[in-house]
Protein backbone atom coordinates (compact mmCIF):
# COMPACT_ATOMS: atom_id res chain seq x y z
CA MET A 1 24.22 11.26 -14.42
CA SER A 2 21.30 13.93 -14.04
CA ALA A 3 21.60 16.78 -11.75
CA SER A 4 19.04 15.35 -9.19
CA GLU A 5 20.58 11.94 -9.31
CA PRO A 6 22.84 11.23 -6.28
CA THR A 7 26.58 10.12 -5.89
CA PHE A 8 26.69 6.58 -5.32
CA GLU A 9 28.83 7.66 -1.93
CA GLN A 10 25.67 10.11 -1.39
CA ALA A 11 23.19 7.12 -1.95
CA GLN A 12 25.24 4.58 0.22
CA ALA A 13 25.28 7.38 3.23
CA GLU A 14 21.43 7.65 3.11
CA LEU A 15 21.17 4.17 2.87
CA GLU A 16 23.13 3.92 5.78
CA GLN A 17 21.36 6.38 7.87
CA ILE A 18 18.03 4.36 6.81
CA VAL A 19 19.44 1.26 8.13
CA ALA A 20 20.43 2.89 11.47
CA ARG A 21 16.77 4.31 11.74
CA LEU A 22 15.04 0.99 11.20
CA GLU A 23 17.37 -0.73 13.34
CA GLN A 24 16.53 1.70 16.24
CA GLY A 25 13.01 0.64 15.86
CA GLN A 26 11.55 3.86 16.83
CA ALA A 27 9.82 4.66 13.40
CA SER A 28 6.03 4.28 13.03
CA LEU A 29 4.93 1.38 10.96
CA ASP A 30 4.26 3.77 8.11
CA ASP A 31 7.55 5.60 8.42
CA ALA A 32 9.17 2.01 8.50
CA ILE A 33 7.54 1.30 5.55
CA ALA A 34 8.45 4.09 3.77
CA LEU A 35 12.22 3.86 4.72
CA TRP A 36 12.04 0.34 3.56
CA GLU A 37 10.98 1.34 0.11
CA ARG A 38 13.52 4.23 -0.28
CA GLY A 39 16.06 1.61 1.07
CA GLU A 40 15.18 -1.00 -1.60
CA GLN A 41 15.42 2.11 -4.20
CA LEU A 42 18.90 3.32 -2.88
CA TYR A 43 20.25 -0.58 -2.67
CA ALA A 44 19.09 -0.76 -6.25
CA PHE A 45 21.02 2.27 -7.34
CA CYS A 46 24.28 1.40 -5.89
CA ARG A 47 23.65 -1.88 -7.18
CA GLN A 48 23.56 -0.96 -10.91
CA ARG A 49 26.30 1.37 -10.15
CA LEU A 50 28.46 -1.22 -8.85
CA ASP A 51 27.70 -3.25 -11.53
CA ALA A 52 28.54 -0.91 -14.19
CA ALA A 53 31.99 0.12 -12.38
CA GLN A 54 32.62 -3.67 -12.43
CA GLY A 55 31.91 -3.95 -15.97
CA LYS A 56 34.06 -1.01 -16.78
CA VAL A 57 37.04 -2.50 -14.96
CA GLU A 58 36.81 -5.75 -16.77
CA GLU A 59 36.81 -3.71 -19.76
CA LEU A 60 39.86 -1.84 -18.93
CA ALA A 61 41.44 -5.10 -17.80
CA ARG A 62 40.61 -6.90 -21.25
CA ARG A 63 42.24 -4.14 -23.07
CA VAL A 64 45.33 -4.03 -21.08
CA GLU A 65 45.70 -7.64 -21.41
CA GLN A 66 45.33 -7.30 -25.53
CA THR A 67 48.06 -4.46 -25.61
CA LYS A 68 50.80 -6.62 -23.63
CA PRO A 69 53.28 -7.62 -25.96
CA GLU A 70 53.63 -11.24 -26.66
CA PRO A 71 56.67 -12.83 -24.85
CA SER A 72 59.60 -13.80 -27.36
CA SER A 73 60.88 -17.38 -26.87
């Protein structure tokens, strides 16, 4: 993660603020378009981070499963 890249939590908070502003319906058309585009960027960023985290969790679960001792009969 670069120094200018937000954390997942920061991106999520900004996305929530954008949604709230758009839901209020008080932004000009140009502002609404800019907010929408920024929202799409933030959504893609958050989705990518969640997908990466899910992949890591699945990999860790596989490792745990592989290290379990075989049940003895």
